[in-house]
């Protein structure tokens, strides 16, 4: 990244996925439910996977849509070829 003050599109997409909070097995919530005496504390796994997937899709979609409104100015790089 030559423009140190500007994030690349790949950086923004990575940040969006990271912020989406991908969680496959919510161990902390399962432990809290088990400690509270829930009959089936693992029942939230499917719901968590659906919510995680939805959040990740929304984050990547938003990043890709916003890339069109804020295009990066590409700088030309001079490359010398040895003959």
Protein backbone atom coordinates (compact mmCIF):
# COMPACT_ATOMS: atom_id res chain seq x y z
CA UNK A 1 0.00 0.00 0.00
CA UNK A 2 1.76 3.12 -1.22
CA UNK A 3 -0.84 5.49 0.23
CA UNK A 4 -0.18 5.06 3.94
CA UNK A 5 -3.10 7.28 4.98
CA UNK A 6 -5.70 5.34 2.96
CA UNK A 7 -6.87 1.76 3.42
CA UNK A 8 -7.03 -0.48 0.37
CA UNK A 9 -10.27 -2.18 -0.64
CA UNK A 10 -8.90 -5.50 0.61
CA UNK A 11 -8.10 -3.93 3.99
CA UNK A 12 -11.63 -2.55 4.28
CA UNK A 13 -13.18 -5.91 3.40
CA UNK A 14 -10.96 -7.67 5.95
CA UNK A 15 -11.91 -5.13 8.61
CA UNK A 16 -15.61 -5.61 7.80
CA UNK A 17 -15.31 -9.39 8.19
CA UNK A 18 -13.32 -8.98 11.39
CA UNK A 19 -15.91 -6.58 12.80
CA UNK A 20 -18.76 -8.94 11.85
CA UNK A 21 -17.59 -11.17 14.70
CA UNK A 22 -17.56 -14.60 13.13
CA UNK A 23 -18.42 -17.10 15.85
CA UNK A 24 -19.17 -20.75 15.15
CA UNK A 25 -19.53 -22.10 18.68
CA UNK A 26 -20.48 -19.53 21.34
CA UNK A 27 -18.74 -21.24 24.25
CA UNK A 28 -19.24 -18.36 26.70
CA UNK A 29 -23.00 -18.16 26.14
CA UNK A 30 -23.35 -21.93 26.34
CA UNK A 31 -21.49 -21.87 29.67
CA UNK A 32 -23.71 -19.07 30.99
CA UNK A 33 -26.85 -20.93 29.93
CA UNK A 34 -25.57 -24.15 31.49
CA UNK A 35 -24.73 -22.35 34.73
CA UNK A 36 -28.19 -20.80 34.77
CA UNK A 37 -29.75 -24.27 34.57
CA UNK A 38 -30.97 -24.25 30.96
CA UNK A 39 -32.32 -27.62 29.77
CA UNK A 40 -30.58 -27.37 26.39
CA UNK A 41 -27.83 -24.72 26.44
CA UNK A 42 -26.48 -25.78 23.02
CA UNK A 43 -29.75 -24.94 21.27
CA UNK A 44 -28.35 -21.53 20.30
CA UNK A 45 -25.62 -22.91 18.03
CA UNK A 46 -27.74 -22.93 14.87
CA UNK A 47 -29.08 -19.45 15.60
CA UNK A 48 -25.54 -18.20 16.19
CA UNK A 49 -24.31 -19.63 12.89
CA UNK A 50 -27.20 -18.01 11.00
CA UNK A 51 -26.60 -14.65 12.71
CA UNK A 52 -22.86 -14.84 12.06
CA UNK A 53 -23.36 -15.68 8.41
CA UNK A 54 -25.91 -12.89 7.99
CA UNK A 55 -23.60 -10.36 9.64
CA UNK A 56 -20.63 -11.41 7.50
CA UNK A 57 -22.68 -11.21 4.28
CA UNK A 58 -24.01 -7.78 5.25
CA UNK A 59 -20.51 -6.53 6.11
CA UNK A 60 -18.92 -7.71 2.86
CA UNK A 61 -21.87 -6.44 0.81
CA UNK A 62 -21.65 -3.01 2.43
CA UNK A 63 -17.88 -2.88 1.86
CA UNK A 64 -18.24 -3.84 -1.81
CA UNK A 65 -21.07 -1.35 -2.42
CA UNK A 66 -19.22 1.49 -0.70
CA UNK A 67 -16.10 0.77 -2.78
CA UNK A 68 -17.99 2.08 -5.79
CA UNK A 69 -18.73 5.42 -4.10
CA UNK A 70 -15.17 5.96 -2.85
CA UNK A 71 -12.80 4.83 -5.63
CA UNK A 72 -9.09 4.82 -4.89
CA UNK A 73 -6.85 6.95 -7.02
CA UNK A 74 -4.33 4.58 -8.53
CA UNK A 75 -0.82 5.96 -8.79
CA UNK A 76 1.33 5.00 -11.70
CA UNK A 77 4.42 3.09 -10.72
CA UNK A 78 7.50 3.42 -12.89
CA UNK A 79 9.05 0.04 -13.51
CA UNK A 80 12.43 -0.16 -15.14
CA UNK A 81 13.15 -3.25 -17.18
CA UNK A 82 16.77 -4.31 -17.52
CA UNK A 83 17.71 -5.24 -21.06
